[in-house]
Amino acid sequence: MMRATLALQRFYARHFLRPQVDAMGGGCEFRKPWYIRIDGPGIEFGRFVHLSASWGRPVELCTFSTESGTGKMILGDHCLLSPGVRISAATRVEVGDDCMLASGVYLTDADWHDVHDRTRAPGRSAPIVLGRNVWIGDGAIVCKGVRIGKNTVVGAGSVVVSDLPANSIAAGNPARVVRPLGEEECLVTRAALFTHSVSEADRKNAFLSFYTLCGNTFGGWLRARLFPTATD
């Protein structure tokens, strides 16, 4: 069943998601891809980008056409997008290599309606740029025109309305720097997970999946569905 599920996910991603993006690097993984929604042109994925969606918490990536052109969205190498992430681009949203977006994060580079003329969309818009290895916490919002420096961590529930420097930890509404992050040399990024080839990564992921699920049975899965217990 696990093999069938993985094969179905990869077929779905290849058949329904890949044609909707302008570029996609090798090693990209999509968990529950039927809950991933991609709309609009100008979307590019780097290598080893991981998107994980779930029922009730889809991942939504959207670009929009405006009078001045079409929005652009770039996800760098090794990025992780968790369930419920939304990214909307009327101008440009750039997510650097090794960035992690936790569940429910929202990146939006526009107001989507003019403050005075509510019939005029998308209103004011300005690019968002996340530097390398930025981590955005659960439910945080990053608004138009924001640049976040490399390695910076944004706390859960924060609202980022102005630039944040590199190598810092920020939180709050509006988000402000709480303290410096510390020595950059001590950081280990998601790139460390992908020092091998795409085929080696596929073999490693398959092994980990089998190792995790090797004790499971179809009967056990069916019982857990029909008669769940606290240990399931």
C-alpha atoms as a PDB file:
ATOM      1  CA  MET A   1       0.000   0.000   0.000  1.00  0.00           C
ATOM      2  CA  MET A   2       2.850   2.352   0.780  1.00  0.00           C
ATOM      3  CA  ARG A   3       4.404   1.710  -2.629  1.00  0.00           C
ATOM      4  CA  ALA A   4       1.048   2.296  -4.286  1.00  0.00           C
ATOM      5  CA  THR A   5       0.490   5.519  -2.333  1.00  0.00           C
ATOM      6  CA  LEU A   6       3.938   6.894  -3.199  1.00  0.00           C
ATOM      7  CA  ALA A   7       3.459   5.959  -6.855  1.00  0.00           C
ATOM      8  CA  LEU A   8       0.050   7.643  -6.922  1.00  0.00           C
ATOM      9  CA  GLN A   9       1.439  10.823  -5.330  1.00  0.00           C
ATOM     10  CA  ARG A  10       4.273  11.017  -7.845  1.00  0.00           C
ATOM     11  CA  PHE A  11       1.968  10.336 -10.782  1.00  0.00           C
ATOM     12  CA  TYR A  12      -0.458  13.023  -9.597  1.00  0.00           C
ATOM     13  CA  ALA A  13       2.353  15.567  -9.104  1.00  0.00           C
ATOM     14  CA  ARG A  14       3.900  14.772 -12.469  1.00  0.00           C
ATOM     15  CA  HIS A  15       0.600  14.785 -14.361  1.00  0.00           C
ATOM     16  CA  PHE A  16      -1.314  17.617 -12.666  1.00  0.00           C
ATOM     17  CA  LEU A  17       1.213  19.885 -10.892  1.00  0.00           C
ATOM     18  CA  ARG A  18       4.376  19.847 -13.004  1.00  0.00           C
ATOM     19  CA  PRO A  19       2.635  21.284 -16.128  1.00  0.00           C
ATOM     20  CA  GLN A  20       1.434  24.252 -14.062  1.00  0.00           C
ATOM     21  CA  VAL A  21       4.918  25.557 -13.171  1.00  0.00           C
ATOM     22  CA  ASP A  22       7.462  27.168 -15.458  1.00  0.00           C
ATOM     23  CA  ALA A  23      10.439  25.266 -14.016  1.00  0.00           C
ATOM     24  CA  MET A  24      11.018  22.495 -11.484  1.00  0.00           C
ATOM     25  CA  GLY A  25      14.344  21.128 -10.284  1.00  0.00           C
ATOM     26  CA  GLY A  26      15.032  17.482  -9.548  1.00  0.00           C
ATOM     27  CA  GLY A  27      14.196  15.816  -6.262  1.00  0.00           C
ATOM     28  CA  CYS A  28      10.978  17.725  -5.536  1.00  0.00           C
ATOM     29  CA  GLU A  29       8.510  15.900  -3.283  1.00  0.00           C
ATOM     30  CA  PHE A  30       4.775  16.492  -2.855  1.00  0.00           C
ATOM     31  CA  ARG A  31       2.910  14.940   0.069  1.00  0.00           C
ATOM     32  CA  LYS A  32      -0.839  14.686  -0.514  1.00  0.00           C
ATOM     33  CA  PRO A  33      -0.453  16.565  -3.831  1.00  0.00           C
ATOM     34  CA  TRP A  34      -4.220  16.516  -4.461  1.00  0.00           C
ATOM     35  CA  TYR A  35      -4.425  19.179  -1.740  1.00  0.00           C
ATOM     36  CA  ILE A  36      -1.866  21.423  -3.479  1.00  0.00           C
ATOM     37  CA  ARG A  37      -3.319  24.214  -5.617  1.00  0.00           C
ATOM     38  CA  ILE A  38      -1.199  26.059  -8.183  1.00  0.00           C
ATOM     39  CA  ASP A  39      -2.737  28.901 -10.187  1.00  0.00           C
ATOM     40  CA  GLY A  40      -1.159  31.335 -12.623  1.00  0.00           C
ATOM     41  CA  PRO A  41       2.058  31.475 -14.661  1.00  0.00           C
ATOM     42  CA  GLY A  42       5.535  32.512 -13.558  1.00  0.00           C
ATOM     43  CA  ILE A  43       6.062  29.957 -10.773  1.00  0.00           C
ATOM     44  CA  GLU A  44       9.462  28.246 -10.459  1.00  0.00           C
ATOM     45  CA  PHE A  45      10.743  25.544  -8.082  1.00  0.00           C
ATOM     46  CA  GLY A  46      14.390  24.830  -7.343  1.00  0.00           C
ATOM     47  CA  ARG A  47      15.839  21.402  -6.513  1.00  0.00           C
ATOM     48  CA  PHE A  48      14.555  19.282  -3.611  1.00  0.00           C
ATOM     49  CA  VAL A  49      11.585  21.526  -2.841  1.00  0.00           C
ATOM     50  CA  HIS A  50       9.183  19.741  -0.458  1.00  0.00           C
ATOM     51  CA  LEU A  51       5.481  20.631  -0.258  1.00  0.00           C
ATOM     52  CA  SER A  52       3.291  18.913   2.311  1.00  0.00           C
ATOM     53  CA  ALA A  53      -0.478  19.458   2.274  1.00  0.00           C
ATOM     54  CA  SER A  54      -3.377  17.853   4.084  1.00  0.00           C
ATOM     55  CA  TRP A  55      -7.163  17.762   4.094  1.00  0.00           C
ATOM     56  CA  GLY A  56      -8.439  21.094   5.383  1.00  0.00           C
ATOM     57  CA  ARG A  57      -4.960  22.643   5.100  1.00  0.00           C
ATOM     58  CA  PRO A  58      -4.125  22.880   1.405  1.00  0.00           C
ATOM     59  CA  VAL A  59      -0.993  24.541   0.078  1.00  0.00           C
ATOM     60  CA  GLU A  60      -1.954  27.363  -2.291  1.00  0.00           C
ATOM     61  CA  LEU A  61       0.461  29.081  -4.694  1.00  0.00           C
ATOM     62  CA  CYS A  62      -1.079  31.808  -6.858  1.00  0.00           C
ATOM     63  CA  THR A  63       0.203  34.479  -9.221  1.00  0.00           C
ATOM     64  CA  PHE A  64      -2.033  37.216 -10.599  1.00  0.00           C
ATOM     65  CA  SER A  65      -2.044  39.357 -13.732  1.00  0.00           C
ATOM     66  CA  THR A  66      -2.283  43.113 -13.258  1.00  0.00           C
ATOM     67  CA  GLU A  67      -2.073  46.225 -15.426  1.00  0.00           C
ATOM     68  CA  SER A  68       1.710  46.257 -14.994  1.00  0.00           C
ATOM     69  CA  GLY A  69       2.253  42.553 -15.737  1.00  0.00           C
ATOM     70  CA  THR A  70       2.037  39.118 -14.172  1.00  0.00           C
ATOM     71  CA  GLY A  71       3.308  38.159 -10.757  1.00  0.00           C
ATOM     72  CA  LYS A  72       6.384  35.979 -10.324  1.00  0.00           C
ATOM     73  CA  MET A  73       7.083  33.353  -7.653  1.00  0.00           C
ATOM     74  CA  ILE A  74      10.413  31.602  -7.073  1.00  0.00           C
ATOM     75  CA  LEU A  75      11.068  28.860  -4.506  1.00  0.00           C
ATOM     76  CA  GLY A  76      14.781  28.166  -4.066  1.00  0.00           C
ATOM     77  CA  ASP A  77      16.553  24.852  -3.504  1.00  0.00           C
ATOM     78  CA  HIS A  78      15.667  22.692  -0.460  1.00  0.00           C
ATOM     79  CA  CYS A  79      12.638  24.777   0.576  1.00  0.00           C
ATOM     80  CA  LEU A  80       9.962  23.268   2.820  1.00  0.00           C
ATOM     81  CA  LEU A  81       6.309  24.359   2.662  1.00  0.00           C
ATOM     82  CA  SER A  82       4.087  22.886   5.387  1.00  0.00           C
ATOM     83  CA  PRO A  83       0.312  22.305   5.347  1.00  0.00           C
ATOM     84  CA  GLY A  84      -1.767  25.454   5.058  1.00  0.00           C
ATOM     85  CA  VAL A  85       0.934  27.644   3.498  1.00  0.00           C
ATOM     86  CA  ARG A  86      -0.400  30.297   1.088  1.00  0.00           C
ATOM     87  CA  ILE A  87       1.724  32.455  -1.219  1.00  0.00           C
ATOM     88  CA  SER A  88       0.113  35.107  -3.434  1.00  0.00           C
ATOM     89  CA  ALA A  89       2.142  37.168  -5.902  1.00  0.00           C
ATOM     90  CA  ALA A  90       0.964  40.155  -7.940  1.00  0.00           C
ATOM     91  CA  THR A  91       4.537  41.451  -8.390  1.00  0.00           C
ATOM     92  CA  ARG A  92       7.211  39.052  -7.085  1.00  0.00           C
ATOM     93  CA  VAL A  93       7.709  36.687  -4.173  1.00  0.00           C
ATOM     94  CA  GLU A  94      11.164  35.141  -3.862  1.00  0.00           C
ATOM     95  CA  VAL A  95      11.863  32.451  -1.262  1.00  0.00           C
ATOM     96  CA  GLY A  96      15.585  31.748  -0.913  1.00  0.00           C
ATOM     97  CA  ASP A  97      17.372  28.416  -0.675  1.00  0.00           C
ATOM     98  CA  ASP A  98      16.806  26.312   2.483  1.00  0.00           C
ATOM     99  CA  CYS A  99      13.824  28.350   3.703  1.00  0.00           C
ATOM    100  CA  MET A 100      11.164  26.710   5.880  1.00  0.00           C
ATOM    101  CA  LEU A 101       7.558  27.917   6.012  1.00  0.00           C
ATOM    102  CA  ALA A 102       5.599  26.387   8.908  1.00  0.00           C
ATOM    103  CA  SER A 103       1.910  25.506   8.879  1.00  0.00           C
ATOM    104  CA  GLY A 104      -0.474  28.326   8.042  1.00  0.00           C
ATOM    105  CA  VAL A 105       2.148  30.834   6.905  1.00  0.00           C
ATOM    106  CA  TYR A 106       0.875  33.492   4.467  1.00  0.00           C
ATOM    107  CA  LEU A 107       3.113  35.498   2.111  1.00  0.00           C
ATOM    108  CA  THR A 108       1.318  38.223   0.154  1.00  0.00           C
ATOM    109  CA  ASP A 109       2.922  40.990  -1.900  1.00  0.00           C
ATOM    110  CA  ALA A 110      -0.256  43.085  -2.389  1.00  0.00           C
ATOM    111  CA  ASP A 111      -3.199  44.627  -0.527  1.00  0.00           C
ATOM    112  CA  TRP A 112      -5.547  43.038  -3.105  1.00  0.00           C
ATOM    113  CA  HIS A 113      -7.884  46.060  -3.054  1.00  0.00           C
ATOM    114  CA  ASP A 114      -7.172  49.766  -3.118  1.00  0.00           C
ATOM    115  CA  VAL A 115      -7.811  51.419   0.249  1.00  0.00           C
ATOM    116  CA  HIS A 116     -10.068  54.123  -1.240  1.00  0.00           C
ATOM    117  CA  ASP A 117     -11.381  52.473  -4.413  1.00  0.00           C
ATOM    118  CA  ARG A 118     -12.530  49.034  -3.270  1.00  0.00           C
ATOM    119  CA  THR A 119     -13.278  48.003  -6.862  1.00  0.00           C
ATOM    120  CA  ARG A 120      -9.622  48.381  -7.884  1.00  0.00           C
ATOM    121  CA  ALA A 121      -7.503  45.244  -7.487  1.00  0.00           C
ATOM    122  CA  PRO A 122      -4.856  44.314  -6.495  1.00  0.00           C
ATOM    123  CA  GLY A 123      -4.158  47.684  -4.873  1.00  0.00           C
ATOM    124  CA  ARG A 124      -0.607  48.480  -3.814  1.00  0.00           C
ATOM    125  CA  SER A 125       1.994  45.782  -4.433  1.00  0.00           C
ATOM    126  CA  ALA A 126       5.714  45.397  -3.725  1.00  0.00           C
ATOM    127  CA  PRO A 127       8.065  42.390  -3.876  1.00  0.00           C
ATOM    128  CA  ILE A 128       8.769  40.055  -0.961  1.00  0.00           C
ATOM    129  CA  VAL A 129      12.251  38.541  -0.640  1.00  0.00           C
ATOM    130  CA  LEU A 130      13.227  35.900   1.913  1.00  0.00           C
ATOM    131  CA  GLY A 131      16.967  35.387   2.185  1.00  0.00           C
ATOM    132  CA  ARG A 132      18.664  32.014   2.415  1.00  0.00           C
ATOM    133  CA  ASN A 133      17.722  29.762   5.354  1.00  0.00           C
ATOM    134  CA  VAL A 134      14.861  31.909   6.689  1.00  0.00           C
ATOM    135  CA  TRP A 135      12.377  30.127   8.964  1.00  0.00           C
ATOM    136  CA  ILE A 136       8.849  31.542   9.209  1.00  0.00           C
ATOM    137  CA  GLY A 137       6.912  30.225  12.219  1.00  0.00           C
ATOM    138  CA  ASP A 138       3.405  28.795  12.435  1.00  0.00           C
ATOM    139  CA  GLY A 139       0.632  31.141  11.276  1.00  0.00           C
ATOM    140  CA  ALA A 140       2.914  34.114  10.587  1.00  0.00           C
ATOM    141  CA  ILE A 141       2.075  36.659   7.868  1.00  0.00           C
ATOM    142  CA  VAL A 142       4.667  38.411   5.681  1.00  0.00           C
ATOM    143  CA  CYS A 143       3.261  41.495   3.937  1.00  0.00           C
ATOM    144  CA  LYS A 144       4.143  43.391   0.774  1.00  0.00           C
ATOM    145  CA  GLY A 145       7.537  45.005   0.301  1.00  0.00           C
ATOM    146  CA  VAL A 146       9.268  43.024   3.056  1.00  0.00           C
ATOM    147  CA  ARG A 147      12.838  41.733   2.833  1.00  0.00           C
ATOM    148  CA  ILE A 148      14.025  39.257   5.475  1.00  0.00           C
ATOM    149  CA  GLY A 149      17.757  38.673   5.793  1.00  0.00           C
ATOM    150  CA  LYS A 150      19.408  35.259   5.668  1.00  0.00           C
ATOM    151  CA  ASN A 151      19.060  32.819   8.589  1.00  0.00           C
ATOM    152  CA  THR A 152      16.455  34.924  10.388  1.00  0.00           C
ATOM    153  CA  VAL A 153      13.683  33.211  12.375  1.00  0.00           C
ATOM    154  CA  VAL A 154      10.189  34.741  12.564  1.00  0.00           C
ATOM    155  CA  GLY A 155       8.120  33.641  15.556  1.00  0.00           C
ATOM    156  CA  ALA A 156       4.729  31.956  15.322  1.00  0.00           C
ATOM    157  CA  GLY A 157       1.777  34.282  14.762  1.00  0.00           C
ATOM    158  CA  SER A 158       3.947  37.267  13.849  1.00  0.00           C
ATOM    159  CA  VAL A 159       2.926  39.901  11.292  1.00  0.00           C
ATOM    160  CA  VAL A 160       5.919  41.183   9.326  1.00  0.00           C
ATOM    161  CA  VAL A 161       5.299  44.611   7.784  1.00  0.00           C
ATOM    162  CA  SER A 162       8.872  45.921   7.511  1.00  0.00           C
ATOM    163  CA  ASP A 163      12.336  44.573   6.714  1.00  0.00           C
ATOM    164  CA  LEU A 164      14.131  42.295   9.164  1.00  0.00           C
ATOM    165  CA  PRO A 165      17.936  42.020   9.312  1.00  0.00           C
ATOM    166  CA  ALA A 166      19.914  38.846   8.781  1.00  0.00           C
ATOM    167  CA  ASN A 167      20.875  36.475  11.603  1.00  0.00           C
ATOM    168  CA  SER A 168      18.179  37.506  14.047  1.00  0.00           C
ATOM    169  CA  ILE A 169      15.069  36.224  15.806  1.00  0.00           C
ATOM    170  CA  ALA A 170      11.938  38.374  15.436  1.00  0.00           C
ATOM    171  CA  ALA A 171       8.402  38.117  16.774  1.00  0.00           C
ATOM    172  CA  GLY A 172       5.263  40.124  17.442  1.00  0.00           C
ATOM    173  CA  ASN A 173       2.690  42.248  15.645  1.00  0.00           C
ATOM    174  CA  PRO A 174       4.312  44.110  14.064  1.00  0.00           C
ATOM    175  CA  ALA A 175       7.346  41.807  14.133  1.00  0.00           C
ATOM    176  CA  ARG A 176      10.472  43.245  15.737  1.00  0.00           C
ATOM    177  CA  VAL A 177      13.899  41.807  16.432  1.00  0.00           C
ATOM    178  CA  VAL A 178      13.965  40.045  19.808  1.00  0.00           C
ATOM    179  CA  ARG A 179      17.620  39.069  19.832  1.00  0.00           C
ATOM    180  CA  PRO A 180      20.522  38.170  17.519  1.00  0.00           C
ATOM    181  CA  LEU A 181      20.621  34.577  16.306  1.00  0.00           C
ATOM    182  CA  GLY A 182      24.253  33.923  17.197  1.00  0.00           C
ATOM    183  CA  GLU A 183      27.182  32.464  15.316  1.00  0.00           C
ATOM    184  CA  GLU A 184      26.311  31.770  11.679  1.00  0.00           C
ATOM    185  CA  GLU A 185      28.998  29.078  11.535  1.00  0.00           C
ATOM    186  CA  CYS A 186      26.940  26.883  13.893  1.00  0.00           C
ATOM    187  CA  LEU A 187      23.911  26.708  11.598  1.00  0.00           C
ATOM    188  CA  VAL A 188      23.006  23.518   9.750  1.00  0.00           C
ATOM    189  CA  THR A 189      20.632  24.151   6.840  1.00  0.00           C
ATOM    190  CA  ARG A 190      18.267  21.844   4.946  1.00  0.00           C
ATOM    191  CA  ALA A 191      20.922  21.576   2.247  1.00  0.00           C
ATOM    192  CA  ALA A 192      22.672  19.061   4.526  1.00  0.00           C
ATOM    193  CA  LEU A 193      19.824  16.617   3.843  1.00  0.00           C
ATOM    194  CA  PHE A 194      20.501  16.646   0.107  1.00  0.00           C
ATOM    195  CA  THR A 195      24.229  16.175  -0.350  1.00  0.00           C
ATOM    196  CA  HIS A 196      23.501  13.157  -2.581  1.00  0.00           C
ATOM    197  CA  SER A 197      21.974  12.757  -6.028  1.00  0.00           C
ATOM    198  CA  VAL A 198      18.266  12.749  -6.780  1.00  0.00           C
ATOM    199  CA  SER A 199      18.251   8.951  -7.219  1.00  0.00           C
ATOM    200  CA  GLU A 200      20.088   8.468  -3.907  1.00  0.00           C
ATOM    201  CA  ALA A 201      17.567  10.771  -2.212  1.00  0.00           C
ATOM    202  CA  ASP A 202      14.707   8.681  -3.587  1.00  0.00           C
ATOM    203  CA  ARG A 203      16.311   5.485  -2.243  1.00  0.00           C
ATOM    204  CA  LYS A 204      16.900   7.060   1.168  1.00  0.00           C
ATOM    205  CA  ASN A 205      13.312   8.314   1.406  1.00  0.00           C
ATOM    206  CA  ALA A 206      11.985   4.886   0.425  1.00  0.00           C
ATOM    207  CA  PHE A 207      14.155   3.181   3.052  1.00  0.00           C
ATOM    208  CA  LEU A 208      13.015   5.562   5.800  1.00  0.00           C
ATOM    209  CA  SER A 209       9.381   5.044   4.832  1.00  0.00           C
ATOM    210  CA  PHE A 210       9.749   1.264   4.903  1.00  0.00           C
ATOM    211  CA  TYR A 211      11.641   1.370   8.206  1.00  0.00           C
ATOM    212  CA  THR A 212       8.942   3.547   9.805  1.00  0.00           C
ATOM    213  CA  LEU A 213       6.008   1.510   8.510  1.00  0.00           C
ATOM    214  CA  CYS A 214       7.462  -2.018   8.435  1.00  0.00           C
ATOM    215  CA  GLY A 215       5.365  -3.179  11.420  1.00  0.00           C
ATOM    216  CA  ASN A 216       2.079  -1.998   9.942  1.00  0.00           C
ATOM    217  CA  THR A 217      -0.475  -4.344   8.390  1.00  0.00           C
ATOM    218  CA  PHE A 218      -3.579  -3.828   6.291  1.00  0.00           C
ATOM    219  CA  GLY A 219      -5.677  -5.359   9.063  1.00  0.00           C
ATOM    220  CA  GLY A 220      -4.175  -2.987  11.599  1.00  0.00           C
ATOM    221  CA  TRP A 221      -4.855  -0.006   9.364  1.00  0.00           C
ATOM    222  CA  LEU A 222      -8.470  -1.098   8.856  1.00  0.00           C
ATOM    223  CA  ARG A 223      -8.999  -1.614  12.608  1.00  0.00           C
ATOM    224  CA  ALA A 224      -7.518   1.828  13.360  1.00  0.00           C
ATOM    225  CA  ARG A 225      -9.912   3.381  10.864  1.00  0.00           C
ATOM    226  CA  LEU A 226     -12.979   1.643  12.249  1.00  0.00           C
ATOM    227  CA  PHE A 227     -12.069   1.252  15.927  1.00  0.00           C
ATOM    228  CA  PRO A 228      -9.297   3.752  16.785  1.00  0.00           C
ATOM    229  CA  THR A 229      -7.493   3.688  20.127  1.00  0.00           C
ATOM    230  CA  ALA A 230      -5.152   6.056  21.935  1.00  0.00           C
ATOM    231  CA  THR A 231      -2.127   4.123  20.630  1.00  0.00           C
ATOM    232  CA  ASP A 232      -2.993   4.503  16.927  1.00  0.00           C
END
